[in-house]
Amino acid sequence: MNWQRDGIVISTDKQSLDTRYIHEFLSNHSYWAAQIPYDTVCRSIEGSLCFGVFEQGRQKGFARVITDQATFAYLADVFIDPACRGRGLGQFLLEVIVNHPRLQGLRSWMLATRDAHGLYARFGFEPLEEPQRFMRKADPDVYKKAIN
């Protein structure tokens, strides 16, 4: 599926994704996936509903949704190229994602962010009401271990 606005195309076609660009951004410019191996990025794309942001055929952003497409979705790896920020591309990307036909009627969405609370709040995301009910198993050094 494709959506267009003001010369920007958002596509769910995984074949159009520039996996090298996505890996470079996540590995070198994100706080959440620093040093992520290329093959891990490729596997994450395979198992997710992905959204590429393109301008003049070049990738300018990305997001993926891990979901069963019935009850739950986790929004991950959302980014817009720093050179393209401030033009509403993140907002356009979120509009497309939350309105995607395969993501309607879900009971719950989740995401984690350090610095984009305002953007996500515009789309109905809010802090957990009862964070003490949630648990996670984390290995923050998993990508560093993969290198050694």
Foldseek 3Di string as FASTA:
>chain_A
DWDDDPQKIKDQPPVLDPLVVLCCCQCPPDPQRHLADSVVSVVVSVQWRKIFIDGPSDTFWIWTWRDPLAAEIEIDSTDGHPVPPPPCPSLVVVVCVCPPPSNPPYNYYYYDDDPPVVSVVVVPDDDDPCCVVDDDDDDSCVSVVVVD
